[in-house]
Amino acid sequence: MAASSRAQVLDLYRAMLRESKHFSAYNYRTYAIRRIRDAFRENKNVKDPVEIQTLVNKAKRDLGMIRRQVHIGQLYSTDKLIIENQEKPKT
């Protein structure tokens, strides 16, 4: 993978994770983060430049979809779940 392509993939990965953390619903947020990590791990050994470009284009479309879903989720927010209100244990 070329250096610029690698940087582009890493930027997309970070942007998708960052945007997914804005989901107001806990279940959507954790699912999106888990799914993004799994998808990138699954495709980390792809070497074909054409396939890499196809995957990058799909990730860009998915990032746009995540942004739209986050915006819609903010319009119709719900109460936090009990699991979200728990404090983290102090170390």
N, C-alpha and C. Protein backbone atom coordinates (compact mmCIF):
# COMPACT_ATOMS: atom_id res chain seq x y z
N MET A 1 0.84 -1.17 0.00
CA MET A 1 0.00 0.00 0.00
C MET A 1 0.89 1.23 0.00
N ALA A 2 0.59 2.18 -0.86
CA ALA A 2 1.38 3.41 -0.93
C ALA A 2 1.19 4.20 0.36
N ALA A 3 2.18 5.05 0.64
CA ALA A 3 2.14 5.82 1.89
C ALA A 3 0.93 6.74 1.94
N SER A 4 0.59 7.37 0.81
CA SER A 4 -0.56 8.27 0.80
C SER A 4 -1.86 7.49 0.97
N SER A 5 -1.91 6.31 0.40
CA SER A 5 -3.09 5.47 0.55
C SER A 5 -3.23 5.01 2.00
N ARG A 6 -2.14 4.66 2.61
CA ARG A 6 -2.14 4.25 4.02
C ARG A 6 -2.63 5.39 4.90
N ALA A 7 -2.12 6.58 4.65
CA ALA A 7 -2.53 7.76 5.43
C ALA A 7 -4.02 8.04 5.23
N GLN A 8 -4.49 7.88 4.00
CA GLN A 8 -5.90 8.10 3.71
C GLN A 8 -6.77 7.09 4.46
N VAL A 9 -6.35 5.84 4.49
CA VAL A 9 -7.11 4.80 5.19
C VAL A 9 -7.12 5.08 6.70
N LEU A 10 -5.98 5.45 7.25
CA LEU A 10 -5.92 5.76 8.68
C LEU A 10 -6.78 6.98 9.03
N ASP A 11 -6.77 7.98 8.17
CA ASP A 11 -7.62 9.16 8.40
C ASP A 11 -9.09 8.79 8.37
N LEU A 12 -9.46 7.93 7.43
CA LEU A 12 -10.85 7.47 7.36
C LEU A 12 -11.23 6.68 8.60
N TYR A 13 -10.35 5.81 9.04
CA TYR A 13 -10.58 5.00 10.24
C TYR A 13 -10.82 5.89 11.46
N ARG A 14 -9.93 6.85 11.64
CA ARG A 14 -10.06 7.76 12.78
C ARG A 14 -11.33 8.60 12.69
N ALA A 15 -11.63 9.09 11.49
CA ALA A 15 -12.83 9.91 11.31
C ALA A 15 -14.10 9.10 11.60
N MET A 16 -14.13 7.86 11.15
CA MET A 16 -15.30 7.01 11.39
C MET A 16 -15.47 6.73 12.88
N LEU A 17 -14.36 6.42 13.57
CA LEU A 17 -14.45 6.18 15.01
C LEU A 17 -14.87 7.45 15.76
N ARG A 18 -14.28 8.56 15.38
CA ARG A 18 -14.60 9.83 16.04
C ARG A 18 -16.07 10.18 15.86
N GLU A 19 -16.55 10.02 14.65
CA GLU A 19 -17.95 10.36 14.36
C GLU A 19 -18.90 9.39 15.05
N SER A 20 -18.52 8.14 15.14
CA SER A 20 -19.38 7.14 15.78
C SER A 20 -19.53 7.39 17.27
N LYS A 21 -18.56 8.02 17.87
CA LYS A 21 -18.65 8.33 19.30
C LYS A 21 -19.69 9.40 19.59
N HIS A 22 -20.22 10.03 18.57
CA HIS A 22 -21.25 11.06 18.75
C HIS A 22 -22.66 10.50 18.73
N PHE A 23 -22.82 9.20 18.48
CA PHE A 23 -24.16 8.61 18.54
C PHE A 23 -24.70 8.82 19.95
N SER A 24 -25.93 9.30 20.06
CA SER A 24 -26.50 9.53 21.39
C SER A 24 -26.95 8.22 22.04
N ALA A 25 -27.33 7.24 21.24
CA ALA A 25 -27.78 5.95 21.77
C ALA A 25 -26.58 5.03 22.02
N TYR A 26 -26.49 4.52 23.23
CA TYR A 26 -25.38 3.67 23.63
C TYR A 26 -25.22 2.46 22.72
N ASN A 27 -26.33 1.78 22.42
CA ASN A 27 -26.26 0.57 21.60
C ASN A 27 -25.76 0.86 20.19
N TYR A 28 -26.22 1.95 19.57
CA TYR A 28 -25.74 2.31 18.24
C TYR A 28 -24.26 2.66 18.29
N ARG A 29 -23.88 3.40 19.33
CA ARG A 29 -22.49 3.84 19.47
C ARG A 29 -21.55 2.64 19.59
N THR A 30 -21.85 1.72 20.49
CA THR A 30 -20.95 0.58 20.68
C THR A 30 -20.95 -0.34 19.47
N TYR A 31 -22.12 -0.52 18.85
CA TYR A 31 -22.17 -1.37 17.65
C TYR A 31 -21.34 -0.76 16.52
N ALA A 32 -21.49 0.54 16.29
CA ALA A 32 -20.77 1.19 15.20
C ALA A 32 -19.26 1.10 15.41
N ILE A 33 -18.82 1.36 16.62
CA ILE A 33 -17.38 1.31 16.90
C ILE A 33 -16.85 -0.11 16.71
N ARG A 34 -17.58 -1.09 17.24
CA ARG A 34 -17.15 -2.49 17.09
C ARG A 34 -17.12 -2.89 15.62
N ARG A 35 -18.14 -2.50 14.87
CA ARG A 35 -18.24 -2.88 13.46
C ARG A 35 -17.13 -2.24 12.62
N ILE A 36 -16.81 -0.99 12.90
CA ILE A 36 -15.74 -0.30 12.18
C ILE A 36 -14.40 -0.99 12.44
N ARG A 37 -14.12 -1.27 13.71
CA ARG A 37 -12.85 -1.94 14.04
C ARG A 37 -12.75 -3.31 13.38
N ASP A 38 -13.85 -4.06 13.43
CA ASP A 38 -13.84 -5.40 12.81
C ASP A 38 -13.63 -5.32 11.30
N ALA A 39 -14.29 -4.38 10.64
CA ALA A 39 -14.17 -4.26 9.19
C ALA A 39 -12.75 -3.88 8.77
N PHE A 40 -12.14 -2.96 9.51
CA PHE A 40 -10.78 -2.56 9.16
C PHE A 40 -9.78 -3.68 9.45
N ARG A 41 -9.98 -4.40 10.53
CA ARG A 41 -9.10 -5.55 10.83
C ARG A 41 -9.23 -6.63 9.76
N GLU A 42 -10.45 -6.85 9.33
CA GLU A 42 -10.72 -7.89 8.33
C GLU A 42 -10.01 -7.59 7.01
N ASN A 43 -9.87 -6.31 6.69
CA ASN A 43 -9.30 -5.93 5.40
C ASN A 43 -7.88 -5.38 5.50
N LYS A 44 -7.22 -5.58 6.63
CA LYS A 44 -5.90 -4.97 6.80
C LYS A 44 -4.82 -5.60 5.92
N ASN A 45 -5.03 -6.81 5.42
CA ASN A 45 -4.02 -7.47 4.60
C ASN A 45 -4.29 -7.38 3.10
N VAL A 46 -5.23 -6.55 2.70
CA VAL A 46 -5.54 -6.38 1.28
C VAL A 46 -4.38 -5.64 0.61
N LYS A 47 -3.89 -6.18 -0.49
CA LYS A 47 -2.74 -5.59 -1.19
C LYS A 47 -3.10 -5.01 -2.56
N ASP A 48 -4.18 -5.48 -3.16
CA ASP A 48 -4.58 -5.04 -4.50
C ASP A 48 -5.03 -3.58 -4.47
N PRO A 49 -4.36 -2.68 -5.22
CA PRO A 49 -4.71 -1.26 -5.21
C PRO A 49 -6.16 -0.98 -5.64
N VAL A 50 -6.67 -1.76 -6.57
CA VAL A 50 -8.05 -1.55 -7.03
C VAL A 50 -9.03 -1.90 -5.91
N GLU A 51 -8.76 -3.01 -5.24
CA GLU A 51 -9.64 -3.41 -4.13
C GLU A 51 -9.52 -2.42 -2.97
N ILE A 52 -8.32 -1.92 -2.72
CA ILE A 52 -8.14 -0.92 -1.66
C ILE A 52 -8.96 0.32 -1.97
N GLN A 53 -8.90 0.77 -3.21
CA GLN A 53 -9.66 1.96 -3.60
C GLN A 53 -11.16 1.73 -3.47
N THR A 54 -11.61 0.53 -3.83
CA THR A 54 -13.03 0.18 -3.67
C THR A 54 -13.43 0.24 -2.20
N LEU A 55 -12.60 -0.31 -1.33
CA LEU A 55 -12.88 -0.29 0.10
C LEU A 55 -12.84 1.12 0.67
N VAL A 56 -11.92 1.96 0.18
CA VAL A 56 -11.85 3.35 0.63
C VAL A 56 -13.12 4.10 0.22
N ASN A 57 -13.57 3.88 -1.01
CA ASN A 57 -14.80 4.53 -1.47
C ASN A 57 -16.00 4.09 -0.63
N LYS A 58 -16.06 2.81 -0.30
CA LYS A 58 -17.15 2.31 0.55
C LYS A 58 -17.07 2.94 1.93
N ALA A 59 -15.87 3.06 2.48
CA ALA A 59 -15.70 3.67 3.80
C ALA A 59 -16.13 5.14 3.79
N LYS A 60 -15.85 5.85 2.70
CA LYS A 60 -16.28 7.25 2.58
C LYS A 60 -17.81 7.35 2.57
N ARG A 61 -18.45 6.43 1.85
CA ARG A 61 -19.92 6.41 1.83
C ARG A 61 -20.46 6.10 3.22
N ASP A 62 -19.82 5.14 3.89
CA ASP A 62 -20.25 4.77 5.23
C ASP A 62 -20.05 5.91 6.22
N LEU A 63 -18.97 6.67 6.07
CA LEU A 63 -18.74 7.82 6.94
C LEU A 63 -19.85 8.86 6.76
N GLY A 64 -20.24 9.09 5.53
CA GLY A 64 -21.36 10.00 5.27
C GLY A 64 -22.65 9.51 5.91
N MET A 65 -22.87 8.21 5.83
CA MET A 65 -24.07 7.62 6.43
C MET A 65 -24.03 7.76 7.96
N ILE A 66 -22.86 7.54 8.55
CA ILE A 66 -22.72 7.68 10.01
C ILE A 66 -23.02 9.12 10.41
N ARG A 67 -22.49 10.08 9.67
CA ARG A 67 -22.75 11.49 9.98
C ARG A 67 -24.24 11.81 9.92
N ARG A 68 -24.92 11.31 8.90
CA ARG A 68 -26.36 11.56 8.79
C ARG A 68 -27.12 10.90 9.94
N GLN A 69 -26.75 9.67 10.27
CA GLN A 69 -27.43 8.96 11.35
C GLN A 69 -27.20 9.63 12.71
N VAL A 70 -26.00 10.14 12.94
CA VAL A 70 -25.71 10.86 14.18
C VAL A 70 -26.60 12.09 14.27
N HIS A 71 -26.70 12.81 13.18
CA HIS A 71 -27.53 14.02 13.16
C HIS A 71 -29.00 13.68 13.44
N ILE A 72 -29.50 12.64 12.80
CA ILE A 72 -30.89 12.22 13.02
C ILE A 72 -31.07 11.76 14.47
N GLY A 73 -30.11 11.02 14.99
CA GLY A 73 -30.19 10.54 16.36
C GLY A 73 -30.21 11.68 17.37
N GLN A 74 -29.53 12.79 17.05
CA GLN A 74 -29.54 13.94 17.94
C GLN A 74 -30.88 14.66 17.91
N LEU A 75 -31.59 14.55 16.81
CA LEU A 75 -32.92 15.17 16.73
C LEU A 75 -33.92 14.43 17.60
N TYR A 76 -33.76 13.12 17.70
CA TYR A 76 -34.69 12.28 18.45
C TYR A 76 -33.96 11.57 19.58
N SER A 77 -33.39 12.34 20.49
CA SER A 77 -32.61 11.73 21.56
C SER A 77 -33.52 11.06 22.59
N THR A 78 -32.95 10.09 23.29
CA THR A 78 -33.67 9.35 24.31
C THR A 78 -32.91 9.46 25.63
N ASP A 79 -33.51 8.94 26.69
CA ASP A 79 -32.84 8.93 27.99
C ASP A 79 -31.64 7.98 27.94
N LYS A 80 -30.66 8.27 28.78
CA LYS A 80 -29.49 7.40 28.86
C LYS A 80 -29.87 6.08 29.52
N LEU A 81 -29.17 5.03 29.13
CA LEU A 81 -29.35 3.73 29.75
C LEU A 81 -28.64 3.68 31.09
N ILE A 82 -29.00 2.74 31.92
CA ILE A 82 -28.38 2.59 33.23
C ILE A 82 -26.87 2.37 33.09
N ILE A 83 -26.48 1.61 32.10
CA ILE A 83 -25.06 1.29 31.90
C ILE A 83 -24.24 2.54 31.59
N GLU A 84 -24.87 3.55 31.00
CA GLU A 84 -24.16 4.79 30.67
C GLU A 84 -23.99 5.69 31.89
N ASN A 85 -24.83 5.54 32.87
CA ASN A 85 -24.79 6.41 34.05
C ASN A 85 -23.82 5.92 35.12
N GLN A 86 -23.30 4.74 34.96
CA GLN A 86 -22.39 4.20 35.96
C GLN A 86 -21.06 4.91 35.91
N GLU A 87 -20.51 5.18 37.10
CA GLU A 87 -19.19 5.79 37.15
C GLU A 87 -18.12 4.73 36.93
N LYS A 88 -17.04 5.15 36.36
CA LYS A 88 -15.92 4.22 36.17
C LYS A 88 -15.22 4.03 37.51
N PRO A 89 -14.76 2.80 37.81
CA PRO A 89 -14.06 2.57 39.09
C PRO A 89 -12.77 3.38 39.15
N LYS A 90 -12.53 3.93 40.32
CA LYS A 90 -11.31 4.71 40.51
C LYS A 90 -10.15 3.79 40.80
N THR A 91 -9.01 4.08 40.20
CA THR A 91 -7.84 3.22 40.40
C THR A 91 -6.86 3.84 41.35
